Amino acid sequence: MAERVVLAVRDLAVQFGSEQGVVRALDGVSFDLHAGRTLGIVGESGCGKSVTARSILRLVERPGIISGGRLLLDPGTPEEADLARLDPDSRQMRAVRGGRIGLIFQEPMTALSVHYTVGNQLIEAVRQHSTASAAEARARAVELLREVGIPRPETRIDAYPFELSGGLRQRVGIAMALAGDPDIVIADEPTTALDVTTQAQILALLKRLQAQKGISLMLITHDMGVIAQMADEVAVMYLGRVVEFAPVRQLFAAPRHPYTRALLRAVPSILAAPRQRLSTIGGAVPHPGMRPAGCPFHPRCGERLGAVCMERIPAPVPTGRPGASCFREEEAA
């Protein structure tokens, strides 16, 4: 029996107004996040991964707006709430942000304020989502630092962020995401700017905390190796759309979309011949305000079918089922 869906994103559209016109950052994104499982969101920079995360928490900055779609928390239950319909500054949304859904920010070096100790920032997060006294909140903050593996948390709680290494700052960021005891955590490229040893430690920490607390994890990354290690299901994004969805083993064994295959070919292999050039994807992700006609990936695709790819947009990926938004996939079906 499949785990219940804790977060259902349906046809999410986000746009930004500019002097040049409306820029569609997200164009109908849909996926499900299941209880206790990890959903990997993968794609190149500029594909809309971080905008998706910020939209769920209603943190999209002006002039960005959610122009369509639904963000259903606890769908199909009496507690169902559409986050897209809530005022970002409302009490209900503030209770969700940090309380039900925690966010691990992308850059550990800048995610924390340099003007306050890590304890001050962590205690504030604890008190925001509980009725704990100052002393109780400090004790809880020390315990959180201990949970995420920070040595001597009783003294480190009074340290400023610039006194900590990048790995320790990221652990503090994870502790802040867990301060409200959320059941969903969004990790936005949590290993960015960290060395490979520290990356491995952070990923192992996330896995351990997920197993202990039953957290549903939405992991955003551009690293296919991290996806292979961490994810249960994978949504591949390109230019603000989900172009493929599949269980992680199926995605790596038989990718259906040409973009997914290109991403996997670009991963370095220990089996490759020495001094062999790495495979690359030609071109770059187009600016969202200059979308090509037809399939968004066709200008970079080495498998395009011709006029159909250049003139028509393929059908979206069916929500909750493996598939790809590609005319080759439709032809095979």
Protein backbone atom coordinates (compact mmCIF):
# COMPACT_ATOMS: atom_id res chain seq x y z
CA MET A 1 0.00 0.00 0.00
CA ALA A 2 1.40 3.39 -0.99
CA GLU A 3 2.14 5.91 1.73
CA ARG A 4 -0.34 8.76 2.05
CA VAL A 5 0.30 11.97 0.17
CA VAL A 6 1.26 14.80 2.55
CA LEU A 7 1.78 17.46 -0.11
CA ALA A 8 0.18 17.59 -3.56
CA VAL A 9 1.38 20.22 -6.03
CA ARG A 10 -1.03 20.67 -8.93
CA ASP A 11 -0.44 22.78 -12.06
CA LEU A 12 1.66 25.31 -10.15
CA ALA A 13 2.40 28.43 -12.18
CA VAL A 14 4.61 31.31 -11.01
CA GLN A 15 5.31 34.44 -12.99
CA PHE A 16 7.39 37.57 -12.56
CA GLY A 17 6.51 40.94 -14.05
CA SER A 18 9.29 42.88 -15.73
CA GLU A 19 9.78 45.80 -18.09
CA GLN A 20 10.09 43.29 -20.93
CA GLY A 21 6.81 41.59 -20.02
CA VAL A 22 5.67 38.61 -17.97
CA VAL A 23 8.25 35.90 -17.25
CA ARG A 24 6.82 32.43 -16.51
CA ALA A 25 9.22 30.86 -14.02
CA LEU A 26 6.98 27.81 -13.42
CA ASP A 27 4.59 26.52 -16.05
CA GLY A 28 2.26 23.86 -14.65
CA VAL A 29 4.37 21.90 -12.14
CA SER A 30 2.66 18.86 -10.57
CA PHE A 31 3.94 16.16 -8.21
CA ASP A 32 3.15 14.34 -4.94
CA LEU A 33 5.25 14.04 -1.79
CA HIS A 34 4.50 10.90 0.23
CA ALA A 35 4.78 10.43 3.98
CA GLY A 36 8.22 9.31 5.13
CA ARG A 37 9.68 9.23 1.60
CA THR A 38 12.18 11.34 -0.32
CA LEU A 39 11.24 13.10 -3.54
CA GLY A 40 14.23 14.29 -5.54
CA ILE A 41 13.84 17.38 -7.72
CA VAL A 42 16.66 17.51 -10.25
CA GLY A 43 17.68 19.70 -13.17
CA GLU A 44 20.18 22.33 -14.28
CA SER A 45 20.35 25.80 -12.72
CA GLY A 46 17.49 27.92 -14.02
CA CYS A 47 14.98 25.07 -14.32
CA GLY A 48 12.74 26.34 -11.50
CA LYS A 49 13.71 24.02 -8.63
CA SER A 50 14.27 26.71 -5.98
CA VAL A 51 11.27 28.75 -7.16
CA THR A 52 9.15 25.63 -6.59
CA ALA A 53 10.45 25.31 -3.01
CA ARG A 54 9.89 28.98 -2.24
CA SER A 55 6.41 28.86 -3.75
CA ILE A 56 5.37 26.03 -1.43
CA LEU A 57 6.39 28.15 1.57
CA ARG A 58 4.97 31.32 0.00
CA LEU A 59 8.39 32.97 0.01
CA VAL A 60 8.41 34.13 -3.62
CA GLU A 61 9.54 37.74 -3.57
CA ARG A 62 7.82 40.50 -5.50
CA PRO A 63 7.22 41.01 -8.37
CA GLY A 64 6.75 37.24 -8.38
CA ILE A 65 3.23 35.85 -7.88
CA ILE A 66 1.58 32.44 -7.92
CA SER A 67 -0.59 32.83 -11.01
CA GLY A 68 -2.24 29.41 -10.96
CA GLY A 69 -2.41 25.94 -9.48
CA ARG A 70 -2.84 24.47 -6.03
CA LEU A 71 -0.52 23.57 -3.14
CA LEU A 72 -2.50 21.03 -1.11
CA LEU A 73 -1.24 20.20 2.37
CA ASP A 74 -2.79 16.96 3.75
CA PRO A 75 -4.89 16.45 0.60
CA GLY A 76 -8.07 14.40 0.94
CA THR A 77 -8.30 14.88 4.72
CA PRO A 78 -10.47 17.21 6.85
CA GLU A 79 -7.30 19.26 7.50
CA GLU A 80 -6.63 19.86 3.80
CA ALA A 81 -5.33 23.37 3.13
CA ASP A 82 -4.46 25.04 -0.17
CA LEU A 83 -1.32 27.03 0.61
CA ALA A 84 -1.64 28.89 -2.71
CA ARG A 85 -4.81 30.53 -1.41
CA LEU A 86 -3.37 31.68 1.91
CA ASP A 87 -2.02 35.16 2.60
CA PRO A 88 1.78 34.75 2.88
CA ASP A 89 1.76 36.93 6.01
CA SER A 90 -1.25 35.27 7.65
CA ARG A 91 -1.03 33.48 10.99
CA GLN A 92 -2.05 30.22 9.34
CA MET A 93 0.76 30.43 6.78
CA ARG A 94 3.33 31.36 9.44
CA ALA A 95 2.26 28.28 11.41
CA VAL A 96 2.88 26.11 8.34
CA ARG A 97 6.19 27.79 7.49
CA GLY A 98 8.66 26.25 9.93
CA GLY A 99 5.95 24.41 11.87
CA ARG A 100 4.64 21.91 9.32
CA ILE A 101 7.25 22.51 6.61
CA GLY A 102 10.91 23.23 7.35
CA LEU A 103 13.35 24.66 4.82
CA ILE A 104 17.10 24.07 4.61
CA PHE A 105 18.46 26.96 2.58
CA GLN A 106 20.86 26.53 -0.30
CA GLU A 107 23.92 28.47 0.87
CA PRO A 108 25.21 27.68 4.39
CA MET A 109 27.63 30.62 4.32
CA THR A 110 24.88 33.24 3.95
CA ALA A 111 21.71 31.57 5.30
CA LEU A 112 22.46 32.65 8.90
CA SER A 113 22.59 36.24 10.14
CA VAL A 114 26.12 37.31 11.08
CA HIS A 115 24.78 39.76 13.69
CA TYR A 116 23.34 37.14 16.06
CA THR A 117 24.69 33.99 17.65
CA VAL A 118 23.45 30.69 16.29
CA GLY A 119 21.73 30.19 19.65
CA ASN A 120 19.74 33.41 19.33
CA GLN A 121 18.55 32.42 15.87
CA LEU A 122 17.73 28.85 16.86
CA ILE A 123 15.94 29.87 20.08
CA GLU A 124 13.80 32.32 18.11
CA ALA A 125 12.80 29.52 15.73
CA VAL A 126 11.90 27.23 18.64
CA ARG A 127 9.79 29.86 20.42
CA GLN A 128 8.01 30.84 17.20
CA HIS A 129 6.36 27.41 17.06
CA SER A 130 5.95 26.52 20.74
CA THR A 131 5.01 27.98 24.11
CA ALA A 132 8.43 27.22 25.61
CA SER A 133 10.02 29.69 28.01
CA ALA A 134 13.40 31.24 27.23
CA ALA A 135 15.19 28.64 29.36
CA GLU A 136 13.23 25.75 27.83
CA ALA A 137 13.88 27.06 24.32
CA ARG A 138 17.62 27.29 25.02
CA ALA A 139 17.64 23.70 26.29
CA ARG A 140 15.75 22.61 23.18
CA ALA A 141 18.23 24.51 20.97
CA VAL A 142 21.17 22.73 22.64
CA GLU A 143 19.43 19.40 22.08
CA LEU A 144 18.84 20.23 18.41
CA LEU A 145 22.51 21.08 17.94
CA ARG A 146 23.40 17.77 19.55
CA GLU A 147 20.95 15.90 17.26
CA VAL A 148 22.61 17.29 14.14
CA GLY A 149 26.05 16.24 15.34
CA ILE A 150 27.62 19.54 16.44
CA PRO A 151 30.37 18.92 19.05
CA ARG A 152 30.11 20.72 22.41
CA PRO A 153 26.64 22.18 21.70
CA GLU A 154 26.52 23.81 25.16
CA THR A 155 29.31 26.20 24.11
CA ARG A 156 28.74 26.32 20.35
CA ILE A 157 25.25 27.71 20.94
CA ASP A 158 26.86 31.06 21.83
CA ALA A 159 29.08 31.14 18.72
CA TYR A 160 28.50 33.49 15.80
CA PRO A 161 28.13 31.95 12.32
CA PHE A 162 31.51 33.31 11.16
CA GLU A 163 33.16 31.28 13.93
CA LEU A 164 31.90 28.02 12.41
CA SER A 165 32.98 26.07 9.35
CA GLY A 166 30.69 25.62 6.36
CA GLY A 167 29.77 22.10 7.45
CA LEU A 168 28.85 23.23 10.97
CA ARG A 169 26.79 26.13 9.58
CA GLN A 170 24.87 23.71 7.40
CA ARG A 171 24.21 21.55 10.46
CA VAL A 172 22.88 24.65 12.24
CA GLY A 173 20.65 25.28 9.20
CA ILE A 174 19.29 21.73 9.48
CA ALA A 175 18.69 22.26 13.21
CA MET A 176 16.71 25.45 12.42
CA ALA A 177 14.63 23.56 9.86
CA LEU A 178 13.79 21.00 12.57
CA ALA A 179 13.11 23.57 15.31
CA GLY A 180 9.33 23.52 14.80
CA ASP A 181 9.25 19.70 14.62
CA PRO A 182 7.96 19.67 11.01
CA ASP A 183 6.78 16.55 9.20
CA ILE A 184 7.98 17.90 5.83
CA VAL A 185 11.47 19.25 5.15
CA ILE A 186 12.53 20.91 1.90
CA ALA A 187 16.29 20.73 1.40
CA ASP A 188 17.34 23.20 -1.30
CA GLU A 189 20.74 21.94 -2.49
CA PRO A 190 21.92 21.28 1.09
CA THR A 191 25.45 20.28 0.04
CA THR A 192 26.28 23.32 -2.10
CA ALA A 193 29.76 24.80 -1.44
CA LEU A 194 30.76 21.92 0.85
CA ASP A 195 33.69 19.58 0.27
CA VAL A 196 32.89 15.97 -0.66
CA THR A 197 33.61 14.57 2.82
CA THR A 198 31.31 17.10 4.47
CA GLN A 199 28.68 16.50 1.77
CA ALA A 200 28.65 12.80 2.62
CA GLN A 201 28.27 13.60 6.32
CA ILE A 202 25.36 16.00 5.69
CA LEU A 203 23.53 13.49 3.48
CA ALA A 204 24.03 10.72 6.06
CA LEU A 205 22.69 13.08 8.73
CA LEU A 206 19.57 13.83 6.68
CA LYS A 207 18.95 10.12 6.15
CA ARG A 208 19.33 9.38 9.86
CA LEU A 209 17.03 12.21 10.94
CA GLN A 210 14.44 11.18 8.35
CA ALA A 211 14.44 7.60 9.63
CA GLN A 212 14.22 8.71 13.26
CA LYS A 213 11.47 11.31 12.83
CA GLY A 214 9.53 9.94 9.86
CA ILE A 215 10.10 13.13 7.88
CA SER A 216 8.93 13.55 4.29
CA LEU A 217 11.91 15.00 2.46
CA MET A 218 11.87 17.05 -0.72
CA LEU A 219 15.47 17.16 -1.92
CA ILE A 220 16.43 19.73 -4.56
CA THR A 221 19.75 19.22 -6.31
CA HIS A 222 21.56 19.20 -9.63
CA ASP A 223 23.73 16.25 -8.56
CA MET A 224 22.51 12.93 -9.97
CA GLY A 225 24.79 11.09 -7.53
CA VAL A 226 22.93 12.64 -4.59
CA ILE A 227 19.62 11.65 -6.22
CA ALA A 228 20.78 8.04 -6.61
CA GLN A 229 21.80 7.89 -2.95
CA MET A 230 18.88 9.69 -1.33
CA ALA A 231 15.68 9.69 -3.40
CA ASP A 232 12.76 7.26 -3.61
CA GLU A 233 11.06 9.07 -6.51
CA VAL A 234 12.50 11.65 -8.89
CA ALA A 235 10.96 14.59 -10.73
CA VAL A 236 13.18 15.97 -13.50
CA MET A 237 12.54 19.66 -14.22
CA TYR A 238 13.36 21.70 -17.29
CA LEU A 239 12.40 25.33 -17.90
CA GLY A 240 9.69 25.41 -15.24
CA ARG A 241 8.07 22.07 -16.12
CA VAL A 242 8.34 18.49 -14.86
CA VAL A 243 9.55 16.58 -17.94
CA GLU A 244 9.92 13.16 -16.31
CA PHE A 245 8.81 11.41 -13.14
CA ALA A 246 9.83 7.91 -12.04
CA PRO A 247 10.99 5.80 -9.08
CA VAL A 248 14.72 6.33 -8.68
CA ARG A 249 15.79 2.83 -9.79
CA GLN A 250 13.59 3.02 -12.87
CA LEU A 251 14.89 6.48 -13.76
CA PHE A 252 18.52 5.35 -13.73
CA ALA A 253 17.84 2.01 -15.42
CA ALA A 254 15.56 3.26 -18.21
CA PRO A 255 15.28 7.08 -18.46
CA ARG A 256 12.46 8.07 -20.80
CA HIS A 257 13.13 11.73 -21.58
CA PRO A 258 16.09 12.84 -23.75
CA TYR A 259 16.95 15.50 -21.14
CA THR A 260 17.18 12.87 -18.39
CA ARG A 261 19.40 10.71 -20.60
CA ALA A 262 21.62 13.72 -21.31
CA LEU A 263 21.94 14.48 -17.58
CA LEU A 264 22.95 10.89 -16.86
CA ARG A 265 25.50 10.86 -19.68
CA ALA A 266 27.11 13.96 -18.15
CA VAL A 267 27.80 12.15 -14.85
CA PRO A 268 31.51 11.14 -14.63
CA SER A 269 32.04 7.37 -14.56
CA ILE A 270 34.89 5.40 -12.99
CA LEU A 271 34.51 2.98 -15.91
CA ALA A 272 35.29 5.65 -18.51
CA ALA A 273 38.58 5.48 -20.43
CA PRO A 274 41.36 7.71 -19.05
CA ARG A 275 41.50 11.28 -20.41
CA GLN A 276 38.15 10.86 -22.13
CA ARG A 277 36.17 14.07 -22.48
CA LEU A 278 33.08 14.38 -20.30
CA SER A 279 29.75 14.39 -22.09
CA THR A 280 27.96 17.75 -22.06
CA ILE A 281 24.53 19.06 -23.00
CA GLY A 282 24.91 21.55 -25.83
CA GLY A 283 23.61 25.06 -25.31
CA ALA A 284 22.06 26.39 -22.11
CA VAL A 285 18.68 26.57 -20.40
CA PRO A 286 16.78 29.39 -22.17
CA HIS A 287 15.66 32.44 -20.20
CA PRO A 288 12.06 31.84 -19.00
CA GLY A 289 11.05 35.02 -20.81
CA MET A 290 12.38 33.69 -24.13
CA ARG A 291 10.83 30.24 -24.29
CA PRO A 292 11.24 28.46 -27.62
CA ALA A 293 8.14 27.43 -29.52
CA GLY A 294 7.13 23.79 -29.22
CA CYS A 295 8.90 21.45 -26.81
CA PRO A 296 11.06 23.58 -24.47
CA PHE A 297 14.01 21.17 -24.83
CA HIS A 298 13.97 20.77 -28.61
CA PRO A 299 16.76 23.34 -29.39
CA ARG A 300 19.20 21.23 -27.33
CA CYS A 301 17.76 17.79 -28.06
CA GLY A 302 19.67 15.35 -30.22
CA GLU A 303 16.63 13.06 -30.47
CA ARG A 304 13.97 15.49 -31.71
CA LEU A 305 11.52 14.18 -34.27
CA GLY A 306 11.34 17.28 -36.45
CA ALA A 307 8.48 19.72 -36.96
CA VAL A 308 6.28 18.20 -34.28
CA CYS A 309 8.87 18.96 -31.58
CA MET A 310 9.41 22.50 -32.86
CA GLU A 311 5.73 23.40 -33.15
CA ARG A 312 3.83 21.55 -30.41
CA ILE A 313 4.22 21.20 -26.64
CA PRO A 314 4.10 17.57 -25.45
CA ALA A 315 1.50 16.50 -22.91
CA PRO A 316 2.50 16.92 -19.25
CA VAL A 317 3.68 13.99 -17.16
CA PRO A 318 0.72 12.17 -15.55
CA THR A 319 0.77 13.01 -11.83
CA GLY A 320 1.78 10.15 -9.57
CA ARG A 321 2.71 7.78 -12.40
CA PRO A 322 6.01 7.20 -14.19
CA GLY A 323 6.19 9.01 -17.49
CA ALA A 324 7.85 11.65 -19.61
CA SER A 325 6.66 14.77 -21.39
CA CYS A 326 8.07 13.82 -24.79
CA PHE A 327 6.65 13.04 -28.24
CA ARG A 328 8.90 9.98 -28.47
CA GLU A 329 7.22 8.67 -25.31
CA GLU A 330 3.78 9.34 -26.81
CA GLU A 331 4.82 7.58 -30.02
CA ALA A 332 6.02 4.52 -28.09
CA ALA A 333 2.79 4.41 -26.09
